[in-house]
Amino acid sequence: MAKPPDERKAVGQKCYRPLLVNLEWWLGTAFDQLSRKSVTAAAIKFSLNLWPVLLRYCCVGAIKIDNSAVELVLRGVAIGCGNYLFAGTDRGGERAAAIYRISAGYVVGHRTC
């Protein structure tokens, strides 16, 4: 059962924020030891650039860390686009996939629950 936002915020501040602060420190330390041209350094830099957004999860109880609902909706888009590869011709498949993406984007943007 989902917890109310105020309870999620309290748990986030008490439990998750200290873990994220430690992880940020560790990522910064690891980043300093890596070549700036490495793939790992690029991944760490990307993560650290988005760190304030991640920390909002601990500060705002209305934000859930789980994105299963979004993944479920987008799964249909990915499957549909793959299915349109068999639309007779490449151009026909590309057009059908584009239309499917547009319609699925509309559905995602207008969900009521």
N, C-alpha and C. Protein backbone atom coordinates (compact mmCIF):
# COMPACT_ATOMS: atom_id res chain seq x y z
N MET A 1 0.85 -1.18 0.00
CA MET A 1 0.00 0.00 0.00
C MET A 1 0.89 1.24 0.00
N ALA A 2 0.54 2.19 -0.82
CA ALA A 2 1.33 3.42 -0.93
C ALA A 2 1.18 4.27 0.33
N LYS A 3 2.26 4.88 0.71
CA LYS A 3 2.25 5.73 1.90
C LYS A 3 1.85 7.15 1.49
N PRO A 4 1.27 7.92 2.40
CA PRO A 4 0.92 9.31 2.09
C PRO A 4 2.18 10.15 1.89
N PRO A 5 2.06 11.26 1.15
CA PRO A 5 3.24 12.08 0.83
C PRO A 5 4.02 12.56 2.05
N ASP A 6 3.34 12.95 3.13
CA ASP A 6 4.07 13.45 4.30
C ASP A 6 4.91 12.34 4.94
N GLU A 7 4.39 11.12 4.92
CA GLU A 7 5.15 10.00 5.47
C GLU A 7 6.34 9.64 4.55
N ARG A 8 6.11 9.68 3.23
CA ARG A 8 7.22 9.43 2.29
C ARG A 8 8.32 10.48 2.45
N LYS A 9 7.92 11.73 2.68
CA LYS A 9 8.91 12.79 2.87
C LYS A 9 9.73 12.55 4.13
N ALA A 10 9.08 12.18 5.21
CA ALA A 10 9.78 11.93 6.47
C ALA A 10 10.78 10.78 6.32
N VAL A 11 10.35 9.70 5.68
CA VAL A 11 11.24 8.55 5.46
C VAL A 11 12.39 8.96 4.53
N GLY A 12 12.08 9.73 3.51
CA GLY A 12 13.11 10.19 2.58
C GLY A 12 14.17 11.02 3.28
N GLN A 13 13.75 11.92 4.15
CA GLN A 13 14.69 12.77 4.88
C GLN A 13 15.53 11.96 5.86
N LYS A 14 14.89 11.01 6.53
CA LYS A 14 15.59 10.25 7.57
C LYS A 14 16.47 9.15 7.00
N CYS A 15 15.98 8.43 6.02
CA CYS A 15 16.68 7.23 5.54
C CYS A 15 17.44 7.43 4.24
N TYR A 16 16.77 8.02 3.25
CA TYR A 16 17.35 8.05 1.92
C TYR A 16 18.30 9.21 1.67
N ARG A 17 18.02 10.36 2.26
CA ARG A 17 18.90 11.51 2.03
C ARG A 17 20.33 11.23 2.50
N PRO A 18 20.54 10.67 3.70
CA PRO A 18 21.92 10.37 4.10
C PRO A 18 22.62 9.39 3.14
N LEU A 19 21.88 8.41 2.63
CA LEU A 19 22.47 7.48 1.66
C LEU A 19 22.87 8.20 0.38
N LEU A 20 21.99 9.10 -0.08
CA LEU A 20 22.29 9.83 -1.31
C LEU A 20 23.45 10.80 -1.13
N VAL A 21 23.55 11.41 0.05
CA VAL A 21 24.68 12.30 0.33
C VAL A 21 25.99 11.50 0.29
N ASN A 22 25.99 10.32 0.88
CA ASN A 22 27.19 9.46 0.84
C ASN A 22 27.51 9.02 -0.58
N LEU A 23 26.49 8.67 -1.33
CA LEU A 23 26.71 8.25 -2.72
C LEU A 23 27.26 9.39 -3.56
N GLU A 24 26.75 10.60 -3.32
CA GLU A 24 27.26 11.77 -4.06
C GLU A 24 28.74 11.98 -3.76
N TRP A 25 29.10 11.87 -2.49
CA TRP A 25 30.51 12.02 -2.11
C TRP A 25 31.36 10.95 -2.81
N TRP A 26 30.89 9.70 -2.79
CA TRP A 26 31.63 8.61 -3.41
C TRP A 26 31.78 8.83 -4.91
N LEU A 27 30.71 9.26 -5.57
CA LEU A 27 30.78 9.53 -7.00
C LEU A 27 31.78 10.65 -7.30
N GLY A 28 31.75 11.69 -6.48
CA GLY A 28 32.69 12.79 -6.67
C GLY A 28 34.13 12.35 -6.49
N THR A 29 34.38 11.52 -5.49
CA THR A 29 35.73 10.99 -5.26
C THR A 29 36.17 10.10 -6.42
N ALA A 30 35.28 9.24 -6.89
CA ALA A 30 35.61 8.36 -8.02
C ALA A 30 35.85 9.19 -9.27
N PHE A 31 35.04 10.22 -9.48
CA PHE A 31 35.18 11.07 -10.66
C PHE A 31 36.55 11.74 -10.68
N ASP A 32 36.99 12.19 -9.52
CA ASP A 32 38.29 12.87 -9.44
C ASP A 32 39.45 11.95 -9.78
N GLN A 33 39.27 10.64 -9.65
CA GLN A 33 40.35 9.69 -9.92
C GLN A 33 40.34 9.16 -11.36
N LEU A 34 39.32 9.49 -12.12
CA LEU A 34 39.18 8.96 -13.47
C LEU A 34 39.66 9.93 -14.53
N SER A 35 40.03 9.38 -15.66
CA SER A 35 40.33 10.22 -16.82
C SER A 35 39.04 10.87 -17.28
N ARG A 36 39.09 12.14 -17.60
CA ARG A 36 37.88 12.86 -18.03
C ARG A 36 37.34 12.32 -19.35
N LYS A 37 38.14 11.56 -20.07
CA LYS A 37 37.72 11.02 -21.36
C LYS A 37 37.08 9.64 -21.24
N SER A 38 37.05 9.09 -20.04
CA SER A 38 36.50 7.74 -19.89
C SER A 38 34.98 7.76 -19.91
N VAL A 39 34.42 6.64 -20.29
CA VAL A 39 32.96 6.49 -20.32
C VAL A 39 32.40 6.55 -18.90
N THR A 40 33.11 5.97 -17.96
CA THR A 40 32.66 5.98 -16.57
C THR A 40 32.60 7.40 -16.03
N ALA A 41 33.61 8.21 -16.36
CA ALA A 41 33.61 9.61 -15.92
C ALA A 41 32.43 10.37 -16.52
N ALA A 42 32.12 10.08 -17.78
CA ALA A 42 30.98 10.74 -18.42
C ALA A 42 29.67 10.36 -17.73
N ALA A 43 29.54 9.09 -17.36
CA ALA A 43 28.33 8.63 -16.67
C ALA A 43 28.21 9.28 -15.29
N ILE A 44 29.31 9.35 -14.58
CA ILE A 44 29.29 9.97 -13.24
C ILE A 44 28.97 11.46 -13.36
N LYS A 45 29.58 12.13 -14.33
CA LYS A 45 29.32 13.56 -14.53
C LYS A 45 27.84 13.79 -14.84
N PHE A 46 27.27 12.94 -15.68
CA PHE A 46 25.85 13.04 -16.01
C PHE A 46 25.01 12.90 -14.75
N SER A 47 25.34 11.91 -13.91
CA SER A 47 24.60 11.69 -12.67
C SER A 47 24.71 12.88 -11.73
N LEU A 48 25.93 13.39 -11.57
CA LEU A 48 26.13 14.51 -10.65
C LEU A 48 25.45 15.79 -11.14
N ASN A 49 25.38 15.96 -12.46
CA ASN A 49 24.69 17.13 -13.00
C ASN A 49 23.20 17.09 -12.69
N LEU A 50 22.64 15.89 -12.57
CA LEU A 50 21.22 15.74 -12.27
C LEU A 50 20.94 15.50 -10.79
N TRP A 51 21.97 15.59 -9.97
CA TRP A 51 21.84 15.27 -8.55
C TRP A 51 20.77 16.09 -7.83
N PRO A 52 20.66 17.40 -8.07
CA PRO A 52 19.61 18.16 -7.38
C PRO A 52 18.21 17.63 -7.67
N VAL A 53 18.00 17.12 -8.86
CA VAL A 53 16.70 16.56 -9.20
C VAL A 53 16.45 15.29 -8.39
N LEU A 54 17.47 14.46 -8.24
CA LEU A 54 17.34 13.25 -7.44
C LEU A 54 17.06 13.58 -5.97
N LEU A 55 17.72 14.58 -5.45
CA LEU A 55 17.52 14.95 -4.05
C LEU A 55 16.11 15.47 -3.78
N ARG A 56 15.45 15.99 -4.81
CA ARG A 56 14.07 16.45 -4.62
C ARG A 56 13.17 15.30 -4.20
N TYR A 57 13.53 14.08 -4.60
CA TYR A 57 12.77 12.90 -4.19
C TYR A 57 12.70 12.81 -2.67
N CYS A 58 13.76 13.19 -1.98
CA CYS A 58 13.78 13.12 -0.52
C CYS A 58 13.06 14.28 0.14
N CYS A 59 12.92 15.38 -0.58
CA CYS A 59 12.39 16.60 0.01
C CYS A 59 10.91 16.84 -0.29
N VAL A 60 10.40 16.18 -1.32
CA VAL A 60 9.01 16.37 -1.71
C VAL A 60 8.31 15.02 -1.64
N GLY A 61 7.41 14.87 -0.72
CA GLY A 61 6.75 13.58 -0.51
C GLY A 61 5.86 13.14 -1.65
N ALA A 62 5.43 14.07 -2.49
CA ALA A 62 4.54 13.72 -3.59
C ALA A 62 5.27 13.01 -4.72
N ILE A 63 6.60 13.10 -4.74
CA ILE A 63 7.38 12.47 -5.80
C ILE A 63 7.65 11.02 -5.42
N LYS A 64 7.31 10.11 -6.31
CA LYS A 64 7.57 8.70 -6.07
C LYS A 64 8.82 8.31 -6.86
N ILE A 65 9.62 7.43 -6.29
CA ILE A 65 10.83 6.97 -6.96
C ILE A 65 10.50 5.94 -8.03
N ASP A 66 9.34 5.34 -7.93
CA ASP A 66 8.91 4.28 -8.84
C ASP A 66 8.32 4.89 -10.11
N ASN A 67 8.73 4.38 -11.26
CA ASN A 67 8.18 4.88 -12.52
C ASN A 67 7.50 3.75 -13.31
N SER A 68 6.97 2.78 -12.60
CA SER A 68 6.34 1.62 -13.26
C SER A 68 5.16 2.03 -14.14
N ALA A 69 4.38 3.00 -13.72
CA ALA A 69 3.22 3.42 -14.52
C ALA A 69 3.67 3.97 -15.87
N VAL A 70 4.72 4.77 -15.87
CA VAL A 70 5.24 5.33 -17.11
C VAL A 70 5.82 4.24 -17.99
N GLU A 71 6.59 3.34 -17.39
CA GLU A 71 7.17 2.24 -18.16
C GLU A 71 6.10 1.37 -18.78
N LEU A 72 5.01 1.15 -18.07
CA LEU A 72 3.93 0.33 -18.60
C LEU A 72 3.31 0.97 -19.84
N VAL A 73 3.09 2.28 -19.79
CA VAL A 73 2.52 2.98 -20.94
C VAL A 73 3.50 2.98 -22.11
N LEU A 74 4.76 3.26 -21.84
CA LEU A 74 5.74 3.33 -22.92
C LEU A 74 6.07 1.96 -23.50
N ARG A 75 5.84 0.92 -22.76
CA ARG A 75 6.07 -0.43 -23.28
C ARG A 75 5.21 -0.67 -24.50
N GLY A 76 3.96 -0.22 -24.43
CA GLY A 76 3.07 -0.36 -25.58
C GLY A 76 3.58 0.39 -26.80
N VAL A 77 4.18 1.56 -26.57
CA VAL A 77 4.74 2.33 -27.68
C VAL A 77 5.89 1.55 -28.31
N ALA A 78 6.78 1.02 -27.51
CA ALA A 78 7.93 0.29 -28.05
C ALA A 78 7.49 -0.95 -28.81
N ILE A 79 6.54 -1.68 -28.28
CA ILE A 79 6.05 -2.89 -28.96
C ILE A 79 5.36 -2.51 -30.25
N GLY A 80 4.52 -1.47 -30.20
CA GLY A 80 3.82 -1.03 -31.40
C GLY A 80 4.77 -0.60 -32.49
N CYS A 81 5.79 0.17 -32.13
CA CYS A 81 6.77 0.61 -33.13
C CYS A 81 7.49 -0.58 -33.75
N GLY A 82 7.80 -1.57 -32.95
CA GLY A 82 8.45 -2.76 -33.49
C GLY A 82 7.53 -3.53 -34.42
N ASN A 83 6.26 -3.58 -34.08
CA ASN A 83 5.30 -4.29 -34.93
C ASN A 83 5.14 -3.62 -36.29
N TYR A 84 5.28 -2.30 -36.32
CA TYR A 84 5.09 -1.59 -37.57
C TYR A 84 6.25 -1.78 -38.54
N LEU A 85 7.28 -2.47 -38.12
CA LEU A 85 8.36 -2.79 -39.06
C LEU A 85 7.86 -3.74 -40.15
N PHE A 86 6.74 -4.38 -39.89
CA PHE A 86 6.19 -5.34 -40.84
C PHE A 86 4.97 -4.76 -41.56
N ALA A 87 5.00 -3.48 -41.87
CA ALA A 87 3.87 -2.80 -42.48
C ALA A 87 3.91 -2.82 -44.01
N GLY A 88 4.65 -3.71 -44.60
CA GLY A 88 4.69 -3.82 -46.05
C GLY A 88 5.94 -3.21 -46.66
N THR A 89 6.20 -1.96 -46.35
CA THR A 89 7.41 -1.29 -46.85
C THR A 89 8.07 -0.56 -45.70
N ASP A 90 9.32 -0.20 -45.89
CA ASP A 90 10.02 0.57 -44.85
C ASP A 90 9.34 1.90 -44.60
N ARG A 91 8.99 2.60 -45.66
CA ARG A 91 8.35 3.92 -45.50
C ARG A 91 6.99 3.78 -44.83
N GLY A 92 6.25 2.75 -45.19
CA GLY A 92 4.94 2.53 -44.56
C GLY A 92 5.09 2.24 -43.07
N GLY A 93 6.09 1.44 -42.73
CA GLY A 93 6.35 1.15 -41.33
C GLY A 93 6.77 2.37 -40.55
N GLU A 94 7.61 3.20 -41.17
CA GLU A 94 8.06 4.43 -40.49
C GLU A 94 6.88 5.37 -40.25
N ARG A 95 6.01 5.50 -41.23
CA ARG A 95 4.84 6.37 -41.06
C ARG A 95 3.91 5.84 -39.98
N ALA A 96 3.66 4.53 -40.03
CA ALA A 96 2.77 3.93 -39.04
C ALA A 96 3.35 4.08 -37.63
N ALA A 97 4.66 3.88 -37.51
CA ALA A 97 5.30 4.03 -36.19
C ALA A 97 5.21 5.48 -35.71
N ALA A 98 5.38 6.43 -36.62
CA ALA A 98 5.29 7.85 -36.23
C ALA A 98 3.88 8.17 -35.75
N ILE A 99 2.88 7.68 -36.45
CA ILE A 99 1.49 7.93 -36.03
C ILE A 99 1.23 7.28 -34.67
N TYR A 100 1.75 6.07 -34.48
CA TYR A 100 1.57 5.38 -33.21
C TYR A 100 2.22 6.16 -32.08
N ARG A 101 3.43 6.69 -32.32
CA ARG A 101 4.12 7.48 -31.29
C ARG A 101 3.31 8.71 -30.92
N ILE A 102 2.78 9.39 -31.93
CA ILE A 102 2.00 10.60 -31.66
C ILE A 102 0.76 10.27 -30.85
N SER A 103 0.04 9.23 -31.26
CA SER A 103 -1.19 8.88 -30.54
C SER A 103 -0.88 8.39 -29.13
N ALA A 104 0.19 7.62 -28.96
CA ALA A 104 0.56 7.15 -27.62
C ALA A 104 0.99 8.32 -26.75
N GLY A 105 1.69 9.30 -27.32
CA GLY A 105 2.07 10.49 -26.57
C GLY A 105 0.86 11.26 -26.10
N TYR A 106 -0.15 11.31 -26.93
CA TYR A 106 -1.39 11.98 -26.52
C TYR A 106 -2.03 11.24 -25.35
N VAL A 107 -2.07 9.92 -25.43
CA VAL A 107 -2.66 9.12 -24.35
C VAL A 107 -1.91 9.34 -23.05
N VAL A 108 -0.58 9.33 -23.11
CA VAL A 108 0.24 9.53 -21.90
C VAL A 108 -0.02 10.90 -21.31
N GLY A 109 -0.12 11.92 -22.14
CA GLY A 109 -0.31 13.29 -21.67
C GLY A 109 -1.71 13.57 -21.14
N HIS A 110 -2.65 12.70 -21.46
CA HIS A 110 -4.04 12.95 -21.07
C HIS A 110 -4.61 11.85 -20.18
N ARG A 111 -3.75 11.15 -19.48
CA ARG A 111 -4.23 10.11 -18.55
C ARG A 111 -4.91 10.79 -17.37
N THR A 112 -5.94 10.17 -16.88
CA THR A 112 -6.66 10.74 -15.73
C THR A 112 -6.35 10.00 -14.44
N CYS A 113 -5.64 8.87 -14.54
CA CYS A 113 -5.32 8.14 -13.31
C CYS A 113 -3.92 7.59 -13.39
